[in-house]
Amino acid sequence: MRKTLFTRGGGLMLIGMLLISCATTSSTAPPEETTTSPPSAATGALQPMPEKDQDARRQYEIERNRFIYEDIFFAKNKFQLDEQARALLSWKADWLQAHPDVTVVIEGHCSEGGRAEDNMALGLRRAGEVKGFLLHQGVARERLTAVSYGSQRPLARGEGEEVQAKNRRVRLTIVEP
């Protein structure tokens, strides 16, 4: 006896599925435009976001992550901004100007070593220097809060100058509403 690919019942099911598929995809109605309108009160369904809005959202996320994760670094026992720090802070000030609803905490950090009180004071001087720069660039004072963590929250742990240099920094953290 010869085996067939489909049994009689299986063949009928396959034909039925193909007919249903053709009926749903061969609609002659024009495709719906995507909008960013709010969900329908009756259905609660969300409308797809237009591609240009998705691109803008992706760009915002990239810039936001850069804003948060690119730290300003300092020399050992120093709080003055170098040229590299000023360039990065200029970009951050521009980003803050473009996003007036964003407020930030300016976190001053230090490497390990020295007295805890001295590290807290140095961290606050570093955060204050960054805050002063951003104020000078036109960012509103009420959007900026400076704090110091001293050496309490190291980015890297271990011995050596390379590791300790990663901890001498200021990080700007966005305050979520």
N, C-alpha and C. Protein backbone atom coordinates (compact mmCIF):
# COMPACT_ATOMS: atom_id res chain seq x y z
N MET A 1 0.84 -1.17 0.00
CA MET A 1 0.00 0.00 0.00
C MET A 1 0.89 1.24 0.00
N ARG A 2 0.53 2.20 -0.81
CA ARG A 2 1.31 3.41 -0.98
C ARG A 2 0.93 4.45 0.08
N LYS A 3 1.96 5.06 0.72
CA LYS A 3 1.68 6.09 1.73
C LYS A 3 1.45 7.42 1.02
N THR A 4 0.53 8.18 1.49
CA THR A 4 0.27 9.50 0.92
C THR A 4 0.68 10.56 1.94
N LEU A 5 0.92 11.76 1.43
CA LEU A 5 1.36 12.86 2.29
C LEU A 5 0.23 13.31 3.21
N PHE A 6 -0.97 13.33 2.72
CA PHE A 6 -2.10 13.80 3.51
C PHE A 6 -3.14 12.70 3.62
N THR A 7 -3.73 12.60 4.74
CA THR A 7 -4.90 11.75 4.85
C THR A 7 -6.07 12.57 4.38
N ARG A 8 -7.20 11.92 4.19
CA ARG A 8 -8.36 12.64 3.68
C ARG A 8 -8.74 13.76 4.63
N GLY A 9 -8.78 13.52 5.93
CA GLY A 9 -9.15 14.56 6.90
C GLY A 9 -8.09 15.65 7.00
N GLY A 10 -6.81 15.26 6.98
CA GLY A 10 -5.72 16.22 7.05
C GLY A 10 -5.69 17.13 5.85
N GLY A 11 -5.98 16.57 4.66
CA GLY A 11 -6.02 17.38 3.44
C GLY A 11 -7.12 18.40 3.49
N LEU A 12 -8.27 18.01 4.01
CA LEU A 12 -9.38 18.95 4.13
C LEU A 12 -9.06 20.07 5.12
N MET A 13 -8.36 19.73 6.20
CA MET A 13 -7.98 20.77 7.17
C MET A 13 -7.00 21.75 6.53
N LEU A 14 -6.04 21.25 5.78
CA LEU A 14 -5.06 22.11 5.13
C LEU A 14 -5.73 23.05 4.13
N ILE A 15 -6.66 22.52 3.34
CA ILE A 15 -7.38 23.35 2.37
C ILE A 15 -8.20 24.41 3.10
N GLY A 16 -8.83 24.05 4.20
CA GLY A 16 -9.61 25.02 4.97
C GLY A 16 -8.73 26.12 5.53
N MET A 17 -7.54 25.77 6.04
CA MET A 17 -6.63 26.78 6.59
C MET A 17 -6.14 27.71 5.50
N LEU A 18 -5.86 27.18 4.31
CA LEU A 18 -5.42 28.02 3.20
C LEU A 18 -6.52 28.99 2.79
N LEU A 19 -7.77 28.52 2.76
CA LEU A 19 -8.88 29.39 2.39
C LEU A 19 -9.04 30.52 3.41
N ILE A 20 -8.93 30.19 4.68
CA ILE A 20 -9.06 31.22 5.72
C ILE A 20 -7.92 32.22 5.60
N SER A 21 -6.71 31.73 5.38
CA SER A 21 -5.56 32.61 5.24
C SER A 21 -5.72 33.55 4.05
N CYS A 22 -6.17 33.02 2.93
CA CYS A 22 -6.36 33.85 1.74
C CYS A 22 -7.44 34.89 1.97
N ALA A 23 -8.49 34.51 2.66
CA ALA A 23 -9.59 35.43 2.89
C ALA A 23 -9.16 36.60 3.78
N THR A 24 -8.27 36.35 4.74
CA THR A 24 -7.87 37.44 5.65
C THR A 24 -6.78 38.31 5.06
N THR A 25 -5.96 37.78 4.15
CA THR A 25 -4.87 38.60 3.61
C THR A 25 -5.20 39.27 2.29
N SER A 26 -6.27 38.85 1.63
CA SER A 26 -6.57 39.44 0.33
C SER A 26 -7.61 40.54 0.43
N SER A 27 -7.62 41.24 1.51
CA SER A 27 -8.55 42.35 1.68
C SER A 27 -8.20 43.46 0.70
N THR A 28 -9.21 44.11 0.13
CA THR A 28 -8.97 45.19 -0.81
C THR A 28 -8.98 46.55 -0.15
N ALA A 29 -9.21 46.60 1.16
CA ALA A 29 -9.22 47.88 1.86
C ALA A 29 -7.80 48.41 1.98
N PRO A 30 -7.62 49.74 1.88
CA PRO A 30 -6.28 50.32 2.02
C PRO A 30 -5.77 50.12 3.45
N PRO A 31 -4.45 50.04 3.65
CA PRO A 31 -3.91 49.87 5.00
C PRO A 31 -4.22 51.09 5.85
N GLU A 32 -4.43 50.82 7.14
CA GLU A 32 -4.73 51.92 8.07
C GLU A 32 -3.46 52.72 8.34
N GLU A 33 -3.62 54.02 8.52
CA GLU A 33 -2.49 54.86 8.90
C GLU A 33 -2.25 54.68 10.39
N THR A 34 -0.98 54.71 10.78
CA THR A 34 -0.68 54.62 12.20
C THR A 34 -0.72 56.00 12.81
N THR A 35 -1.21 56.06 14.02
CA THR A 35 -1.31 57.33 14.73
C THR A 35 -0.83 57.14 16.15
N THR A 36 -0.66 58.24 16.83
CA THR A 36 -0.28 58.18 18.24
C THR A 36 -1.47 58.58 19.10
N SER A 37 -2.67 58.39 18.59
CA SER A 37 -3.84 58.76 19.37
C SER A 37 -3.94 57.87 20.59
N PRO A 38 -4.59 58.37 21.64
CA PRO A 38 -4.70 57.60 22.87
C PRO A 38 -5.55 56.35 22.66
N PRO A 39 -5.51 55.41 23.59
CA PRO A 39 -6.31 54.21 23.44
C PRO A 39 -7.78 54.54 23.33
N SER A 40 -8.48 53.75 22.56
CA SER A 40 -9.92 53.92 22.41
C SER A 40 -10.58 53.63 23.74
N ALA A 41 -11.49 54.48 24.14
CA ALA A 41 -12.18 54.28 25.40
C ALA A 41 -12.98 52.99 25.38
N ALA A 42 -13.53 52.64 24.21
CA ALA A 42 -14.35 51.44 24.12
C ALA A 42 -13.50 50.18 24.17
N THR A 43 -12.38 50.15 23.48
CA THR A 43 -11.59 48.91 23.39
C THR A 43 -10.36 48.92 24.28
N GLY A 44 -9.81 50.09 24.61
CA GLY A 44 -8.60 50.17 25.40
C GLY A 44 -7.36 49.78 24.60
N ALA A 45 -7.49 49.62 23.29
CA ALA A 45 -6.37 49.19 22.46
C ALA A 45 -5.44 50.36 22.16
N LEU A 46 -4.16 50.09 22.18
CA LEU A 46 -3.16 51.10 21.84
C LEU A 46 -2.97 51.13 20.34
N GLN A 47 -2.79 52.31 19.79
CA GLN A 47 -2.50 52.46 18.38
C GLN A 47 -0.99 52.36 18.18
N PRO A 48 -0.53 51.77 17.06
CA PRO A 48 0.92 51.70 16.83
C PRO A 48 1.53 53.09 16.70
N MET A 49 2.76 53.22 17.15
CA MET A 49 3.48 54.48 17.08
C MET A 49 4.09 54.63 15.69
N PRO A 50 3.94 55.80 15.07
CA PRO A 50 4.56 56.00 13.76
C PRO A 50 6.06 55.80 13.83
N GLU A 51 6.65 55.41 12.71
CA GLU A 51 8.08 55.11 12.68
C GLU A 51 8.93 56.32 13.05
N LYS A 52 8.52 57.53 12.61
CA LYS A 52 9.31 58.72 12.94
C LYS A 52 9.30 58.96 14.45
N ASP A 53 8.18 58.65 15.13
CA ASP A 53 8.15 58.79 16.58
C ASP A 53 9.01 57.73 17.25
N GLN A 54 9.03 56.52 16.68
CA GLN A 54 9.88 55.45 17.21
C GLN A 54 11.35 55.84 17.07
N ASP A 55 11.72 56.42 15.93
CA ASP A 55 13.10 56.87 15.72
C ASP A 55 13.47 57.96 16.72
N ALA A 56 12.56 58.89 16.96
CA ALA A 56 12.81 59.96 17.92
C ALA A 56 12.95 59.38 19.32
N ARG A 57 12.15 58.41 19.66
CA ARG A 57 12.23 57.78 20.99
C ARG A 57 13.56 57.04 21.15
N ARG A 58 13.98 56.32 20.10
CA ARG A 58 15.27 55.63 20.15
C ARG A 58 16.42 56.62 20.32
N GLN A 59 16.37 57.72 19.58
CA GLN A 59 17.42 58.74 19.69
C GLN A 59 17.44 59.35 21.09
N TYR A 60 16.26 59.61 21.66
CA TYR A 60 16.17 60.13 23.02
C TYR A 60 16.83 59.16 24.00
N GLU A 61 16.53 57.87 23.87
CA GLU A 61 17.09 56.86 24.77
C GLU A 61 18.61 56.79 24.65
N ILE A 62 19.14 56.87 23.45
CA ILE A 62 20.60 56.85 23.24
C ILE A 62 21.24 58.05 23.93
N GLU A 63 20.67 59.24 23.69
CA GLU A 63 21.23 60.46 24.30
C GLU A 63 21.07 60.44 25.82
N ARG A 64 19.94 59.96 26.31
CA ARG A 64 19.70 59.88 27.75
C ARG A 64 20.73 58.95 28.40
N ASN A 65 20.99 57.81 27.79
CA ASN A 65 21.98 56.89 28.35
C ASN A 65 23.38 57.51 28.33
N ARG A 66 23.71 58.22 27.26
CA ARG A 66 25.00 58.90 27.22
C ARG A 66 25.07 59.93 28.35
N PHE A 67 23.99 60.68 28.53
CA PHE A 67 23.94 61.69 29.58
C PHE A 67 24.21 61.06 30.95
N ILE A 68 23.59 59.93 31.21
CA ILE A 68 23.71 59.29 32.52
C ILE A 68 25.07 58.61 32.71
N TYR A 69 25.53 57.88 31.70
CA TYR A 69 26.66 56.98 31.91
C TYR A 69 28.03 57.53 31.53
N GLU A 70 28.10 58.70 30.92
CA GLU A 70 29.40 59.31 30.66
C GLU A 70 29.73 60.23 31.82
N ASP A 71 30.63 59.78 32.65
CA ASP A 71 31.01 60.52 33.85
C ASP A 71 32.08 61.56 33.56
N ILE A 72 32.21 62.50 34.48
CA ILE A 72 33.25 63.53 34.43
C ILE A 72 34.33 63.07 35.40
N PHE A 73 35.56 62.97 34.94
CA PHE A 73 36.64 62.46 35.78
C PHE A 73 37.59 63.58 36.21
N PHE A 74 38.26 63.34 37.35
CA PHE A 74 39.13 64.34 37.98
C PHE A 74 40.48 63.73 38.31
N ALA A 75 41.49 64.60 38.40
CA ALA A 75 42.81 64.19 38.86
C ALA A 75 42.75 63.94 40.36
N LYS A 76 43.72 63.22 40.86
CA LYS A 76 43.79 62.89 42.28
C LYS A 76 43.81 64.15 43.13
N ASN A 77 42.93 64.21 44.11
CA ASN A 77 42.81 65.32 45.07
C ASN A 77 42.47 66.66 44.41
N LYS A 78 41.90 66.64 43.21
CA LYS A 78 41.54 67.87 42.49
C LYS A 78 40.03 67.92 42.26
N PHE A 79 39.54 69.15 42.07
CA PHE A 79 38.12 69.33 41.75
C PHE A 79 37.92 70.25 40.54
N GLN A 80 39.02 70.72 39.94
CA GLN A 80 38.92 71.60 38.78
C GLN A 80 38.59 70.78 37.53
N LEU A 81 37.81 71.40 36.64
CA LEU A 81 37.41 70.75 35.39
C LEU A 81 38.50 70.92 34.34
N ASP A 82 38.88 69.85 33.68
CA ASP A 82 39.82 69.96 32.56
C ASP A 82 39.04 70.17 31.26
N GLU A 83 39.76 70.29 30.15
CA GLU A 83 39.11 70.56 28.86
C GLU A 83 38.15 69.44 28.43
N GLN A 84 38.54 68.20 28.68
CA GLN A 84 37.68 67.07 28.33
C GLN A 84 36.38 67.12 29.13
N ALA A 85 36.48 67.43 30.41
CA ALA A 85 35.29 67.53 31.26
C ALA A 85 34.40 68.68 30.79
N ARG A 86 34.98 69.80 30.45
CA ARG A 86 34.20 70.95 29.97
C ARG A 86 33.47 70.64 28.67
N ALA A 87 34.12 69.92 27.78
CA ALA A 87 33.47 69.55 26.51
C ALA A 87 32.27 68.64 26.76
N LEU A 88 32.44 67.65 27.62
CA LEU A 88 31.34 66.75 27.93
C LEU A 88 30.22 67.49 28.65
N LEU A 89 30.57 68.36 29.58
CA LEU A 89 29.56 69.12 30.29
C LEU A 89 28.82 70.11 29.39
N SER A 90 29.49 70.64 28.39
CA SER A 90 28.81 71.51 27.42
C SER A 90 27.72 70.72 26.69
N TRP A 91 28.05 69.49 26.30
CA TRP A 91 27.05 68.64 25.65
C TRP A 91 25.91 68.33 26.61
N LYS A 92 26.23 68.03 27.86
CA LYS A 92 25.19 67.72 28.85
C LYS A 92 24.30 68.94 29.11
N ALA A 93 24.89 70.13 29.14
CA ALA A 93 24.10 71.35 29.33
C ALA A 93 23.15 71.56 28.16
N ASP A 94 23.64 71.34 26.94
CA ASP A 94 22.76 71.44 25.76
C ASP A 94 21.63 70.43 25.84
N TRP A 95 21.94 69.21 26.27
CA TRP A 95 20.90 68.17 26.39
C TRP A 95 19.87 68.58 27.43
N LEU A 96 20.33 69.12 28.54
CA LEU A 96 19.38 69.58 29.57
C LEU A 96 18.52 70.73 29.06
N GLN A 97 19.10 71.63 28.28
CA GLN A 97 18.32 72.73 27.71
C GLN A 97 17.25 72.20 26.76
N ALA A 98 17.56 71.14 26.03
CA ALA A 98 16.60 70.56 25.09
C ALA A 98 15.52 69.74 25.80
N HIS A 99 15.75 69.40 27.07
CA HIS A 99 14.79 68.60 27.84
C HIS A 99 14.51 69.31 29.17
N PRO A 100 13.73 70.39 29.12
CA PRO A 100 13.53 71.24 30.30
C PRO A 100 12.77 70.57 31.45
N ASP A 101 12.18 69.41 31.21
CA ASP A 101 11.46 68.71 32.28
C ASP A 101 12.37 67.81 33.10
N VAL A 102 13.64 67.68 32.72
CA VAL A 102 14.58 66.79 33.40
C VAL A 102 15.28 67.53 34.54
N THR A 103 15.31 66.89 35.72
CA THR A 103 16.10 67.39 36.84
C THR A 103 17.15 66.34 37.17
N VAL A 104 18.27 66.78 37.72
CA VAL A 104 19.36 65.85 37.97
C VAL A 104 19.96 66.02 39.36
N VAL A 105 20.54 64.93 39.83
CA VAL A 105 21.37 64.94 41.03
C VAL A 105 22.81 64.81 40.53
N ILE A 106 23.65 65.72 40.98
CA ILE A 106 25.06 65.73 40.60
C ILE A 106 25.82 65.05 41.74
N GLU A 107 26.30 63.84 41.48
CA GLU A 107 26.94 63.02 42.51
C GLU A 107 28.46 63.14 42.45
N GLY A 108 29.06 63.64 43.53
CA GLY A 108 30.51 63.71 43.61
C GLY A 108 31.08 62.46 44.26
N HIS A 109 32.10 61.87 43.65
CA HIS A 109 32.73 60.64 44.16
C HIS A 109 34.23 60.81 44.26
N CYS A 110 34.84 60.02 45.12
CA CYS A 110 36.29 60.05 45.33
C CYS A 110 36.85 58.64 45.33
N SER A 111 38.16 58.55 45.14
CA SER A 111 38.83 57.26 45.27
C SER A 111 39.04 56.98 46.77
N GLU A 112 39.34 55.72 47.04
CA GLU A 112 39.58 55.33 48.43
C GLU A 112 40.90 55.91 48.91
N GLY A 113 41.04 56.02 50.17
CA GLY A 113 42.25 56.60 50.76
C GLY A 113 41.91 57.93 51.38
N GLY A 114 42.63 58.28 52.40
CA GLY A 114 42.35 59.53 53.08
C GLY A 114 41.21 59.38 54.07
N ARG A 115 40.94 60.45 54.77
CA ARG A 115 39.87 60.43 55.78
C ARG A 115 38.50 60.56 55.10
N ALA A 116 37.52 59.94 55.69
CA ALA A 116 36.15 59.95 55.15
C ALA A 116 35.63 61.38 55.03
N GLU A 117 35.93 62.23 56.02
CA GLU A 117 35.45 63.62 55.99
C GLU A 117 36.07 64.38 54.82
N ASP A 118 37.35 64.14 54.58
CA ASP A 118 38.04 64.81 53.47
C ASP A 118 37.47 64.36 52.12
N ASN A 119 37.18 63.07 51.99
CA ASN A 119 36.60 62.56 50.76
C ASN A 119 35.20 63.11 50.52
N MET A 120 34.42 63.24 51.58
CA MET A 120 33.07 63.82 51.43
C MET A 120 33.17 65.28 50.98
N ALA A 121 34.11 66.02 51.56
CA ALA A 121 34.29 67.43 51.19
C ALA A 121 34.77 67.55 49.74
N LEU A 122 35.72 66.70 49.33
CA LEU A 122 36.21 66.74 47.96
C LEU A 122 35.13 66.35 46.96
N GLY A 123 34.33 65.35 47.29
CA GLY A 123 33.21 64.96 46.43
C GLY A 123 32.21 66.09 46.26
N LEU A 124 31.96 66.83 47.34
CA LEU A 124 31.04 67.96 47.25
C LEU A 124 31.63 69.10 46.43
N ARG A 125 32.94 69.33 46.53
CA ARG A 125 33.60 70.35 45.70
C ARG A 125 33.50 69.98 44.22
N ARG A 126 33.71 68.71 43.90
CA ARG A 126 33.60 68.25 42.51
C ARG A 126 32.18 68.44 42.00
N ALA A 127 31.19 68.02 42.78
CA ALA A 127 29.79 68.19 42.37
C ALA A 127 29.44 69.67 42.24
N GLY A 128 29.96 70.49 43.15
CA GLY A 128 29.72 71.93 43.09
C GLY A 128 30.32 72.58 41.86
N GLU A 129 31.50 72.12 41.48
CA GLU A 129 32.16 72.65 40.28
C GLU A 129 31.33 72.33 39.03
N VAL A 130 30.80 71.11 38.95
CA VAL A 130 29.95 70.71 37.82
C VAL A 130 28.66 71.52 37.84
N LYS A 131 28.07 71.67 39.00
CA LYS A 131 26.83 72.45 39.11
C LYS A 131 27.07 73.89 38.67
N GLY A 132 28.16 74.48 39.11
CA GLY A 132 28.48 75.85 38.70
C GLY A 132 28.64 75.98 37.19
N PHE A 133 29.29 75.01 36.58
CA PHE A 133 29.46 75.03 35.12
C PHE A 133 28.10 74.98 34.43
N LEU A 134 27.23 74.07 34.88
CA LEU A 134 25.91 73.93 34.25
C LEU A 134 25.06 75.19 34.46
N LEU A 135 25.16 75.81 35.63
CA LEU A 135 24.44 77.07 35.88
C LEU A 135 24.93 78.15 34.93
N HIS A 136 26.24 78.22 34.75
CA HIS A 136 26.83 79.21 33.84
C HIS A 136 26.36 78.98 32.39
N GLN A 137 26.06 77.74 32.05
CA GLN A 137 25.56 77.41 30.71
C GLN A 137 24.06 77.67 30.57
N GLY A 138 23.39 78.09 31.64
CA GLY A 138 21.99 78.48 31.56
C GLY A 138 20.99 77.45 32.08
N VAL A 139 21.47 76.38 32.70
CA VAL A 139 20.54 75.41 33.28
C VAL A 139 20.00 75.99 34.58
N ALA A 140 18.70 75.89 34.78
CA ALA A 140 18.05 76.48 35.95
C ALA A 140 18.50 75.80 37.25
N ARG A 141 18.76 76.59 38.26
CA ARG A 141 19.25 76.12 39.56
C ARG A 141 18.33 75.07 40.18
N GLU A 142 17.01 75.24 40.06
CA GLU A 142 16.08 74.31 40.70
C GLU A 142 16.08 72.91 40.06
N ARG A 143 16.76 72.77 38.94
CA ARG A 143 16.87 71.47 38.27
C ARG A 143 18.11 70.70 38.68
N LEU A 144 18.96 71.30 39.53
CA LEU A 144 20.26 70.71 39.87
C LEU A 144 20.42 70.58 41.38
N THR A 145 20.79 69.39 41.82
CA THR A 145 21.09 69.15 43.23
C THR A 145 22.45 68.48 43.32
N ALA A 146 23.35 69.05 44.11
CA ALA A 146 24.70 68.49 44.27
C ALA A 146 24.79 67.73 45.58
N VAL A 147 25.34 66.52 45.51
CA VAL A 147 25.57 65.70 46.70
C VAL A 147 26.96 65.07 46.60
N SER A 148 27.45 64.59 47.74
CA SER A 148 28.73 63.89 47.76
C SER A 148 28.54 62.51 48.37
N TYR A 149 29.17 61.53 47.77
CA TYR A 149 29.22 60.19 48.33
C TYR A 149 30.63 59.83 48.77
N GLY A 150 31.55 60.77 48.64
CA GLY A 150 32.93 60.51 49.04
C GLY A 150 33.44 59.25 48.36
N SER A 151 33.98 58.34 49.14
CA SER A 151 34.48 57.08 48.60
C SER A 151 33.52 55.93 48.92
N GLN A 152 32.28 56.24 49.31
CA GLN A 152 31.32 55.23 49.74
C GLN A 152 30.72 54.39 48.61
N ARG A 153 30.72 54.90 47.39
CA ARG A 153 30.12 54.18 46.26
C ARG A 153 31.12 54.07 45.11
N PRO A 154 32.14 53.25 45.27
CA PRO A 154 33.15 53.14 44.21
C PRO A 154 32.59 52.49 42.95
N LEU A 155 33.04 52.97 41.82
CA LEU A 155 32.68 52.37 40.54
C LEU A 155 33.53 51.12 40.31
N ALA A 156 34.78 51.17 40.76
CA ALA A 156 35.71 50.04 40.61
C ALA A 156 36.37 49.78 41.95
N ARG A 157 36.68 48.51 42.19
CA ARG A 157 37.37 48.13 43.42
C ARG A 157 38.71 47.50 43.07
N GLY A 158 39.66 47.74 43.92
CA GLY A 158 40.96 47.14 43.71
C GLY A 158 42.07 48.13 43.94
N GLU A 159 43.27 47.66 43.72
CA GLU A 159 44.47 48.47 43.93
C GLU A 159 44.94 49.08 42.61
N GLY A 160 45.75 50.08 42.70
CA GLY A 160 46.38 50.66 41.53
C GLY A 160 45.71 51.93 41.06
N GLU A 161 46.51 52.76 40.40
CA GLU A 161 46.06 54.06 39.93
C GLU A 161 44.93 53.96 38.91
N GLU A 162 45.02 52.99 38.00
CA GLU A 162 43.99 52.85 36.95
C GLU A 162 42.62 52.59 37.56
N VAL A 163 42.56 51.73 38.56
CA VAL A 163 41.30 51.42 39.24
C VAL A 163 40.82 52.64 40.02
N GLN A 164 41.70 53.26 40.79
CA GLN A 164 41.31 54.40 41.61
C GLN A 164 40.87 55.60 40.77
N ALA A 165 41.45 55.78 39.60
CA ALA A 165 41.08 56.90 38.73
C ALA A 165 39.62 56.81 38.29
N LYS A 166 39.08 55.61 38.16
CA LYS A 166 37.68 55.43 37.78
C LYS A 166 36.72 55.92 38.85
N ASN A 167 37.20 56.00 40.09
CA ASN A 167 36.35 56.42 41.20
C ASN A 167 36.36 57.93 41.45
N ARG A 168 37.29 58.64 40.84
CA ARG A 168 37.37 60.11 41.00
C ARG A 168 36.51 60.75 39.92
N ARG A 169 35.21 60.88 40.21
CA ARG A 169 34.28 61.25 39.15
C ARG A 169 33.08 62.00 39.71
N VAL A 170 32.34 62.57 38.75
CA VAL A 170 31.00 63.09 39.02
C VAL A 170 30.07 62.41 38.03
N ARG A 171 28.95 61.93 38.54
CA ARG A 171 27.92 61.32 37.71
C ARG A 171 26.64 62.14 37.86
N LEU A 172 25.99 62.40 36.73
CA LEU A 172 24.71 63.09 36.74
C LEU A 172 23.62 62.04 36.61
N THR A 173 22.74 61.99 37.61
CA THR A 173 21.65 61.03 37.64
C THR A 173 20.33 61.76 37.42
N ILE A 174 19.53 61.25 36.52
CA ILE A 174 18.22 61.85 36.25
C ILE A 174 17.25 61.47 37.35
N VAL A 175 16.54 62.47 37.87
CA VAL A 175 15.53 62.22 38.89
C VAL A 175 14.23 61.88 38.18
N GLU A 176 13.74 60.68 38.42
CA GLU A 176 12.48 60.26 37.79
C GLU A 176 11.31 60.81 38.59
N PRO A 177 10.30 61.31 37.89
CA PRO A 177 9.14 61.89 38.61
C PRO A 177 8.36 60.84 39.36
